Every structure is written in structure tokens, then in C-alpha cells.
Amino acid sequence: MTLILLAIVLTIVFSVLAYNLAIYALPFSVGLTAAQYTWAAGAGIVKSGFAAITAALMSLAVVIAVLGFAKNPIVRLIALAIFAVPAVIAGYAVVHGVAKHVIDSTIALNLLCGSAGLFIGSAAIVNLNALGESVLSR
């Protein structure tokens, strides 16, 4: 019983953490990919780090620009969905990493992880939409 309560508490804690960091899932993955590519191309640590930071900031800037300037709600929804897919995957993985050793039922584990992933993805959409509107409304 103690392990189940611990799993529930850790799931809530990591879900709150993932909720607050959800809008950074796509820039992180884009930055990581850019760093790996430049490192494999023969660049050093400094150049790889600079490429990662630049790529991450550019991905965030592109989505905020699309949210700020696009009037078509379908285009805005597509931009938000592209941004939310890595957040859904990260939310699923965070909860799966916490709960996989405690919950024996595969169905219950997938339901818990899937609902947490959808919650984190919707949080990323809401937070990014608010960020895009607040940045460009000034």
C-alpha cells in the first residue's frame, strides 16, 4: 500500500513539474538534435552548444510568431499541435518512468500514462497560447 501511495504522490509531483516545463519540450528536442548533428559534423562543444541554443530559440520564436500573426484558427491549432506532441510524449514518459514498477496492470499503467500525457499536452497548448498572446500583445 505504501508503494502505491508513493507512486501516486510521485506521479502528481512529476506531472506538476512536467506541466510547468511542457512548453519547453519541443525547443529542447530541437536543440538536442541540432547539437548532436553539429557534434557529428565535427564541431566542438562550444559550437554544438551554440547551435543547440540557437535552434531551440528559433523554434520557440517561429511558433510564437505564427501564433501572433496568423489569423486563421486552423493554422494556429496546427502550430500548437506541433508544439504539443513532444510534450505529450514527455508527459507519458515521465509518468511511465515513475509508475511502471508499482502498477502491475498494463492496462491501468497505459491509461494512467496516457491521461497524464494528454493532460501535459493540453497544458502545453494552453500555456503556449497564453505566452504567444502576451508576448505579441504589447
N, C-alpha and C. Protein backbone atom coordinates (compact mmCIF):
# COMPACT_ATOMS: atom_id res chain seq x y z
N MET A 1 0.82 -1.20 0.00
CA MET A 1 0.00 0.00 0.00
C MET A 1 0.86 1.25 0.00
N THR A 2 1.99 1.20 0.70
CA THR A 2 2.87 2.35 0.77
C THR A 2 3.47 2.67 -0.59
N LEU A 3 3.83 1.63 -1.34
CA LEU A 3 4.40 1.86 -2.67
C LEU A 3 3.38 2.46 -3.62
N ILE A 4 2.13 2.07 -3.50
CA ILE A 4 1.10 2.64 -4.36
C ILE A 4 0.91 4.11 -4.04
N LEU A 5 0.88 4.45 -2.76
CA LEU A 5 0.75 5.86 -2.38
C LEU A 5 1.97 6.67 -2.82
N LEU A 6 3.14 6.07 -2.70
CA LEU A 6 4.35 6.74 -3.16
C LEU A 6 4.30 6.97 -4.66
N ALA A 7 3.83 5.98 -5.40
CA ALA A 7 3.70 6.13 -6.85
C ALA A 7 2.70 7.23 -7.21
N ILE A 8 1.62 7.31 -6.47
CA ILE A 8 0.62 8.34 -6.74
C ILE A 8 1.19 9.73 -6.45
N VAL A 9 1.89 9.86 -5.32
CA VAL A 9 2.47 11.15 -4.96
C VAL A 9 3.55 11.57 -5.96
N LEU A 10 4.42 10.63 -6.33
CA LEU A 10 5.47 10.95 -7.30
C LEU A 10 4.87 11.26 -8.68
N THR A 11 3.81 10.58 -9.04
CA THR A 11 3.14 10.88 -10.30
C THR A 11 2.60 12.30 -10.30
N ILE A 12 2.01 12.70 -9.19
CA ILE A 12 1.49 14.06 -9.09
C ILE A 12 2.62 15.08 -9.12
N VAL A 13 3.69 14.82 -8.39
CA VAL A 13 4.82 15.75 -8.35
C VAL A 13 5.46 15.90 -9.73
N PHE A 14 5.71 14.77 -10.39
CA PHE A 14 6.33 14.84 -11.71
C PHE A 14 5.38 15.40 -12.76
N SER A 15 4.08 15.20 -12.59
CA SER A 15 3.11 15.79 -13.51
C SER A 15 3.08 17.31 -13.36
N VAL A 16 3.17 17.80 -12.13
CA VAL A 16 3.23 19.25 -11.92
C VAL A 16 4.51 19.82 -12.52
N LEU A 17 5.61 19.12 -12.33
CA LEU A 17 6.87 19.57 -12.92
C LEU A 17 6.80 19.55 -14.44
N ALA A 18 6.25 18.49 -15.00
CA ALA A 18 6.11 18.42 -16.45
C ALA A 18 5.11 19.46 -16.96
N TYR A 19 4.07 19.75 -16.18
CA TYR A 19 3.10 20.79 -16.54
C TYR A 19 3.79 22.14 -16.67
N ASN A 20 4.69 22.44 -15.74
CA ASN A 20 5.37 23.73 -15.78
C ASN A 20 6.45 23.80 -16.86
N LEU A 21 7.00 22.67 -17.25
CA LEU A 21 8.06 22.65 -18.26
C LEU A 21 7.59 22.16 -19.62
N ALA A 22 6.29 22.01 -19.81
CA ALA A 22 5.77 21.39 -21.03
C ALA A 22 6.05 22.21 -22.28
N ILE A 23 6.06 23.53 -22.18
CA ILE A 23 6.25 24.33 -23.39
C ILE A 23 7.70 24.30 -23.88
N TYR A 24 8.59 23.72 -23.09
CA TYR A 24 9.99 23.64 -23.49
C TYR A 24 10.36 22.28 -24.06
N ALA A 25 9.41 21.39 -24.28
CA ALA A 25 9.71 20.05 -24.79
C ALA A 25 10.20 20.11 -26.23
N LEU A 26 9.50 20.85 -27.10
CA LEU A 26 9.93 20.94 -28.49
C LEU A 26 11.25 21.70 -28.64
N PRO A 27 11.43 22.87 -28.00
CA PRO A 27 12.75 23.52 -28.13
C PRO A 27 13.89 22.65 -27.61
N PHE A 28 13.64 21.89 -26.55
CA PHE A 28 14.70 21.00 -26.04
C PHE A 28 15.05 19.93 -27.05
N SER A 29 14.04 19.30 -27.64
CA SER A 29 14.33 18.23 -28.59
C SER A 29 14.96 18.78 -29.87
N VAL A 30 14.55 19.95 -30.31
CA VAL A 30 15.17 20.57 -31.49
C VAL A 30 16.61 20.95 -31.18
N GLY A 31 16.85 21.52 -30.00
CA GLY A 31 18.21 21.89 -29.61
C GLY A 31 19.11 20.68 -29.46
N LEU A 32 18.57 19.61 -28.88
CA LEU A 32 19.36 18.38 -28.73
C LEU A 32 19.71 17.79 -30.10
N THR A 33 18.77 17.80 -31.01
CA THR A 33 19.04 17.29 -32.35
C THR A 33 20.08 18.13 -33.07
N ALA A 34 19.98 19.46 -32.93
CA ALA A 34 20.97 20.34 -33.56
C ALA A 34 22.35 20.13 -32.96
N ALA A 35 22.42 19.96 -31.65
CA ALA A 35 23.72 19.72 -31.01
C ALA A 35 24.33 18.40 -31.45
N GLN A 36 23.51 17.35 -31.55
CA GLN A 36 24.02 16.06 -32.00
C GLN A 36 24.49 16.12 -33.45
N TYR A 37 23.76 16.84 -34.27
CA TYR A 37 24.14 16.95 -35.68
C TYR A 37 25.45 17.71 -35.83
N THR A 38 25.58 18.83 -35.14
CA THR A 38 26.82 19.60 -35.26
C THR A 38 28.00 18.88 -34.63
N TRP A 39 27.76 18.14 -33.56
CA TRP A 39 28.84 17.36 -32.95
C TRP A 39 29.31 16.26 -33.90
N ALA A 40 28.36 15.60 -34.57
CA ALA A 40 28.72 14.55 -35.53
C ALA A 40 29.41 15.12 -36.77
N ALA A 41 29.13 16.38 -37.07
CA ALA A 41 29.77 17.01 -38.23
C ALA A 41 31.20 17.44 -37.94
N GLY A 42 31.62 17.35 -36.67
CA GLY A 42 33.00 17.66 -36.33
C GLY A 42 33.18 18.96 -35.58
N ALA A 43 32.10 19.61 -35.21
CA ALA A 43 32.23 20.85 -34.44
C ALA A 43 32.55 20.51 -32.99
N GLY A 44 33.07 21.48 -32.29
CA GLY A 44 33.42 21.27 -30.88
C GLY A 44 32.22 21.46 -29.97
N ILE A 45 32.50 21.45 -28.69
CA ILE A 45 31.45 21.57 -27.69
C ILE A 45 30.81 22.96 -27.74
N VAL A 46 31.62 23.98 -27.90
CA VAL A 46 31.10 25.36 -27.91
C VAL A 46 30.19 25.59 -29.11
N LYS A 47 30.63 25.15 -30.27
CA LYS A 47 29.81 25.33 -31.47
C LYS A 47 28.53 24.50 -31.41
N SER A 48 28.63 23.30 -30.87
CA SER A 48 27.44 22.46 -30.72
C SER A 48 26.45 23.08 -29.75
N GLY A 49 26.95 23.62 -28.64
CA GLY A 49 26.09 24.30 -27.68
C GLY A 49 25.44 25.54 -28.26
N PHE A 50 26.21 26.31 -29.02
CA PHE A 50 25.65 27.50 -29.67
C PHE A 50 24.58 27.12 -30.69
N ALA A 51 24.82 26.06 -31.44
CA ALA A 51 23.82 25.59 -32.40
C ALA A 51 22.56 25.11 -31.70
N ALA A 52 22.72 24.45 -30.57
CA ALA A 52 21.56 23.96 -29.82
C ALA A 52 20.73 25.11 -29.28
N ILE A 53 21.37 26.09 -28.69
CA ILE A 53 20.65 27.24 -28.15
C ILE A 53 19.97 28.03 -29.25
N THR A 54 20.66 28.22 -30.36
CA THR A 54 20.07 28.95 -31.48
C THR A 54 18.86 28.22 -32.06
N ALA A 55 18.98 26.93 -32.25
CA ALA A 55 17.87 26.15 -32.81
C ALA A 55 16.68 26.14 -31.86
N ALA A 56 16.92 26.01 -30.57
CA ALA A 56 15.82 26.00 -29.59
C ALA A 56 15.11 27.34 -29.57
N LEU A 57 15.86 28.42 -29.55
CA LEU A 57 15.23 29.75 -29.54
C LEU A 57 14.49 30.05 -30.85
N MET A 58 15.03 29.57 -31.95
CA MET A 58 14.36 29.79 -33.23
C MET A 58 13.05 29.01 -33.32
N SER A 59 13.02 27.79 -32.78
CA SER A 59 11.77 27.03 -32.82
C SER A 59 10.71 27.70 -31.97
N LEU A 60 11.09 28.21 -30.82
CA LEU A 60 10.14 28.92 -29.97
C LEU A 60 9.69 30.22 -30.63
N ALA A 61 10.61 30.93 -31.27
CA ALA A 61 10.26 32.18 -31.94
C ALA A 61 9.32 31.96 -33.13
N VAL A 62 9.54 30.89 -33.87
CA VAL A 62 8.68 30.61 -35.02
C VAL A 62 7.25 30.33 -34.58
N VAL A 63 7.09 29.53 -33.53
CA VAL A 63 5.74 29.20 -33.07
C VAL A 63 5.06 30.43 -32.48
N ILE A 64 5.78 31.25 -31.73
CA ILE A 64 5.18 32.47 -31.18
C ILE A 64 4.81 33.43 -32.30
N ALA A 65 5.64 33.52 -33.34
CA ALA A 65 5.32 34.38 -34.47
C ALA A 65 4.08 33.88 -35.22
N VAL A 66 3.97 32.57 -35.39
CA VAL A 66 2.78 32.02 -36.04
C VAL A 66 1.54 32.30 -35.21
N LEU A 67 1.65 32.13 -33.90
CA LEU A 67 0.50 32.40 -33.03
C LEU A 67 0.14 33.88 -33.03
N GLY A 68 1.14 34.74 -33.16
CA GLY A 68 0.87 36.18 -33.11
C GLY A 68 0.33 36.75 -34.40
N PHE A 69 0.78 36.21 -35.52
CA PHE A 69 0.42 36.83 -36.80
C PHE A 69 -0.63 36.06 -37.59
N ALA A 70 -0.83 34.80 -37.30
CA ALA A 70 -1.81 34.02 -38.06
C ALA A 70 -3.21 34.32 -37.54
N LYS A 71 -4.10 34.64 -38.45
CA LYS A 71 -5.49 34.90 -38.07
C LYS A 71 -6.37 33.66 -38.24
N ASN A 72 -5.92 32.72 -39.04
CA ASN A 72 -6.67 31.51 -39.28
C ASN A 72 -6.53 30.57 -38.07
N PRO A 73 -7.65 30.18 -37.46
CA PRO A 73 -7.54 29.32 -36.27
C PRO A 73 -6.99 27.93 -36.58
N ILE A 74 -7.15 27.45 -37.81
CA ILE A 74 -6.60 26.14 -38.17
C ILE A 74 -5.07 26.19 -38.17
N VAL A 75 -4.50 27.25 -38.70
CA VAL A 75 -3.04 27.40 -38.72
C VAL A 75 -2.51 27.50 -37.29
N ARG A 76 -3.21 28.25 -36.46
CA ARG A 76 -2.80 28.38 -35.06
C ARG A 76 -2.89 27.03 -34.34
N LEU A 77 -3.94 26.27 -34.61
CA LEU A 77 -4.10 24.97 -33.98
C LEU A 77 -3.02 23.99 -34.45
N ILE A 78 -2.66 24.04 -35.71
CA ILE A 78 -1.60 23.17 -36.23
C ILE A 78 -0.26 23.51 -35.57
N ALA A 79 0.02 24.81 -35.42
CA ALA A 79 1.27 25.21 -34.76
C ALA A 79 1.29 24.76 -33.31
N LEU A 80 0.16 24.89 -32.63
CA LEU A 80 0.09 24.44 -31.24
C LEU A 80 0.19 22.92 -31.14
N ALA A 81 -0.40 22.21 -32.09
CA ALA A 81 -0.34 20.75 -32.06
C ALA A 81 1.08 20.25 -32.31
N ILE A 82 1.79 20.90 -33.23
CA ILE A 82 3.19 20.52 -33.47
C ILE A 82 4.01 20.74 -32.21
N PHE A 83 3.70 21.79 -31.50
CA PHE A 83 4.42 22.08 -30.27
C PHE A 83 4.03 21.15 -29.14
N ALA A 84 2.80 20.63 -29.16
CA ALA A 84 2.31 19.82 -28.05
C ALA A 84 2.67 18.34 -28.15
N VAL A 85 2.98 17.85 -29.34
CA VAL A 85 3.29 16.42 -29.49
C VAL A 85 4.49 15.99 -28.65
N PRO A 86 5.62 16.72 -28.67
CA PRO A 86 6.71 16.31 -27.76
C PRO A 86 6.34 16.42 -26.29
N ALA A 87 5.46 17.36 -25.94
CA ALA A 87 5.02 17.47 -24.55
C ALA A 87 4.18 16.27 -24.15
N VAL A 88 3.34 15.77 -25.04
CA VAL A 88 2.55 14.58 -24.76
C VAL A 88 3.46 13.38 -24.55
N ILE A 89 4.44 13.23 -25.40
CA ILE A 89 5.38 12.12 -25.28
C ILE A 89 6.18 12.23 -23.98
N ALA A 90 6.61 13.44 -23.65
CA ALA A 90 7.37 13.64 -22.41
C ALA A 90 6.51 13.37 -21.18
N GLY A 91 5.25 13.82 -21.20
CA GLY A 91 4.36 13.56 -20.09
C GLY A 91 4.09 12.08 -19.90
N TYR A 92 3.89 11.37 -21.00
CA TYR A 92 3.70 9.92 -20.94
C TYR A 92 4.94 9.25 -20.35
N ALA A 93 6.12 9.65 -20.83
CA ALA A 93 7.36 9.01 -20.38
C ALA A 93 7.66 9.30 -18.91
N VAL A 94 7.36 10.51 -18.47
CA VAL A 94 7.61 10.85 -17.06
C VAL A 94 6.76 9.99 -16.14
N VAL A 95 5.49 9.89 -16.42
CA VAL A 95 4.60 9.11 -15.56
C VAL A 95 4.90 7.62 -15.69
N HIS A 96 5.24 7.17 -16.88
CA HIS A 96 5.57 5.75 -17.07
C HIS A 96 6.83 5.39 -16.28
N GLY A 97 7.80 6.30 -16.27
CA GLY A 97 9.02 6.04 -15.52
C GLY A 97 8.79 5.94 -14.03
N VAL A 98 7.81 6.68 -13.53
CA VAL A 98 7.52 6.64 -12.10
C VAL A 98 6.67 5.43 -11.74
N ALA A 99 5.67 5.13 -12.55
CA ALA A 99 4.65 4.15 -12.15
C ALA A 99 4.88 2.73 -12.67
N LYS A 100 5.85 2.51 -13.52
CA LYS A 100 5.98 1.19 -14.13
C LYS A 100 6.38 0.09 -13.14
N HIS A 101 7.04 0.44 -12.07
CA HIS A 101 7.46 -0.57 -11.11
C HIS A 101 6.42 -0.82 -10.02
N VAL A 102 5.39 -0.01 -9.99
CA VAL A 102 4.40 -0.13 -8.93
C VAL A 102 3.09 -0.70 -9.43
N ILE A 103 2.68 -0.29 -10.61
CA ILE A 103 1.40 -0.74 -11.15
C ILE A 103 1.65 -1.97 -12.01
N ASP A 104 1.04 -3.09 -11.65
CA ASP A 104 1.26 -4.34 -12.37
C ASP A 104 0.41 -4.45 -13.63
N SER A 105 -0.77 -3.89 -13.60
CA SER A 105 -1.68 -4.00 -14.72
C SER A 105 -1.21 -3.10 -15.87
N THR A 106 -1.01 -3.70 -17.03
CA THR A 106 -0.57 -2.94 -18.19
C THR A 106 -1.65 -1.98 -18.66
N ILE A 107 -2.88 -2.39 -18.56
CA ILE A 107 -3.98 -1.52 -18.98
C ILE A 107 -4.07 -0.30 -18.08
N ALA A 108 -3.99 -0.51 -16.78
CA ALA A 108 -4.05 0.61 -15.84
C ALA A 108 -2.85 1.54 -16.03
N LEU A 109 -1.68 0.97 -16.28
CA LEU A 109 -0.48 1.78 -16.49
C LEU A 109 -0.61 2.62 -17.75
N ASN A 110 -1.09 2.02 -18.83
CA ASN A 110 -1.26 2.78 -20.07
C ASN A 110 -2.34 3.84 -19.95
N LEU A 111 -3.41 3.55 -19.21
CA LEU A 111 -4.45 4.56 -19.00
C LEU A 111 -3.92 5.73 -18.18
N LEU A 112 -3.18 5.44 -17.13
CA LEU A 112 -2.61 6.50 -16.31
C LEU A 112 -1.61 7.33 -17.09
N CYS A 113 -0.72 6.67 -17.80
CA CYS A 113 0.30 7.38 -18.57
C CYS A 113 -0.31 8.15 -19.73
N GLY A 114 -1.28 7.57 -20.39
CA GLY A 114 -1.94 8.25 -21.50
C GLY A 114 -2.70 9.48 -21.05
N SER A 115 -3.41 9.37 -19.93
CA SER A 115 -4.14 10.53 -19.44
C SER A 115 -3.19 11.62 -18.96
N ALA A 116 -2.08 11.23 -18.35
CA ALA A 116 -1.09 12.23 -17.94
C ALA A 116 -0.45 12.89 -19.16
N GLY A 117 -0.16 12.11 -20.20
CA GLY A 117 0.39 12.69 -21.42
C GLY A 117 -0.57 13.67 -22.08
N LEU A 118 -1.85 13.32 -22.13
CA LEU A 118 -2.83 14.24 -22.70
C LEU A 118 -2.98 15.49 -21.85
N PHE A 119 -2.93 15.33 -20.54
CA PHE A 119 -3.00 16.48 -19.64
C PHE A 119 -1.82 17.42 -19.85
N ILE A 120 -0.62 16.86 -19.95
CA ILE A 120 0.57 17.67 -20.15
C ILE A 120 0.55 18.33 -21.53
N GLY A 121 0.08 17.62 -22.55
CA GLY A 121 -0.02 18.20 -23.88
C GLY A 121 -1.02 19.34 -23.94
N SER A 122 -2.16 19.16 -23.29
CA SER A 122 -3.14 20.26 -23.27
C SER A 122 -2.61 21.44 -22.45
N ALA A 123 -1.83 21.15 -21.42
CA ALA A 123 -1.21 22.24 -20.66
C ALA A 123 -0.21 23.00 -21.51
N ALA A 124 0.52 22.28 -22.35
CA ALA A 124 1.47 22.95 -23.24
C ALA A 124 0.73 23.84 -24.23
N ILE A 125 -0.39 23.38 -24.75
CA ILE A 125 -1.17 24.19 -25.69
C ILE A 125 -1.68 25.46 -25.01
N VAL A 126 -2.25 25.30 -23.82
CA VAL A 126 -2.80 26.45 -23.11
C VAL A 126 -1.70 27.44 -22.72
N ASN A 127 -0.59 26.93 -22.18
CA ASN A 127 0.49 27.82 -21.76
C ASN A 127 1.15 28.51 -22.95
N LEU A 128 1.35 27.81 -24.04
CA LEU A 128 1.96 28.41 -25.20
C LEU A 128 1.05 29.43 -25.85
N ASN A 129 -0.24 29.16 -25.89
CA ASN A 129 -1.19 30.12 -26.44
C ASN A 129 -1.19 31.39 -25.60
N ALA A 130 -1.16 31.25 -24.29
CA ALA A 130 -1.11 32.42 -23.41
C ALA A 130 0.21 33.17 -23.57
N LEU A 131 1.31 32.43 -23.73
CA LEU A 131 2.61 33.06 -23.92
C LEU A 131 2.65 33.82 -25.24
N GLY A 132 2.13 33.21 -26.30
CA GLY A 132 2.11 33.88 -27.61
C GLY A 132 1.27 35.13 -27.60
N GLU A 133 0.13 35.09 -26.93
CA GLU A 133 -0.72 36.27 -26.88
C GLU A 133 -0.12 37.37 -26.01
N SER A 134 0.54 37.00 -24.91
CA SER A 134 1.09 38.02 -24.03
C SER A 134 2.35 38.66 -24.61
N VAL A 135 3.14 37.90 -25.35
CA VAL A 135 4.36 38.45 -25.92
C VAL A 135 4.04 39.43 -27.05
N LEU A 136 3.11 39.06 -27.89
CA LEU A 136 2.83 39.89 -29.06
C LEU A 136 1.70 40.89 -28.85
N SER A 137 1.12 40.97 -27.69
CA SER A 137 0.04 41.93 -27.46
C SER A 137 0.57 43.29 -27.01
N ARG A 138 1.84 43.36 -26.73
CA ARG A 138 2.43 44.61 -26.22
C ARG A 138 2.69 45.58 -27.30
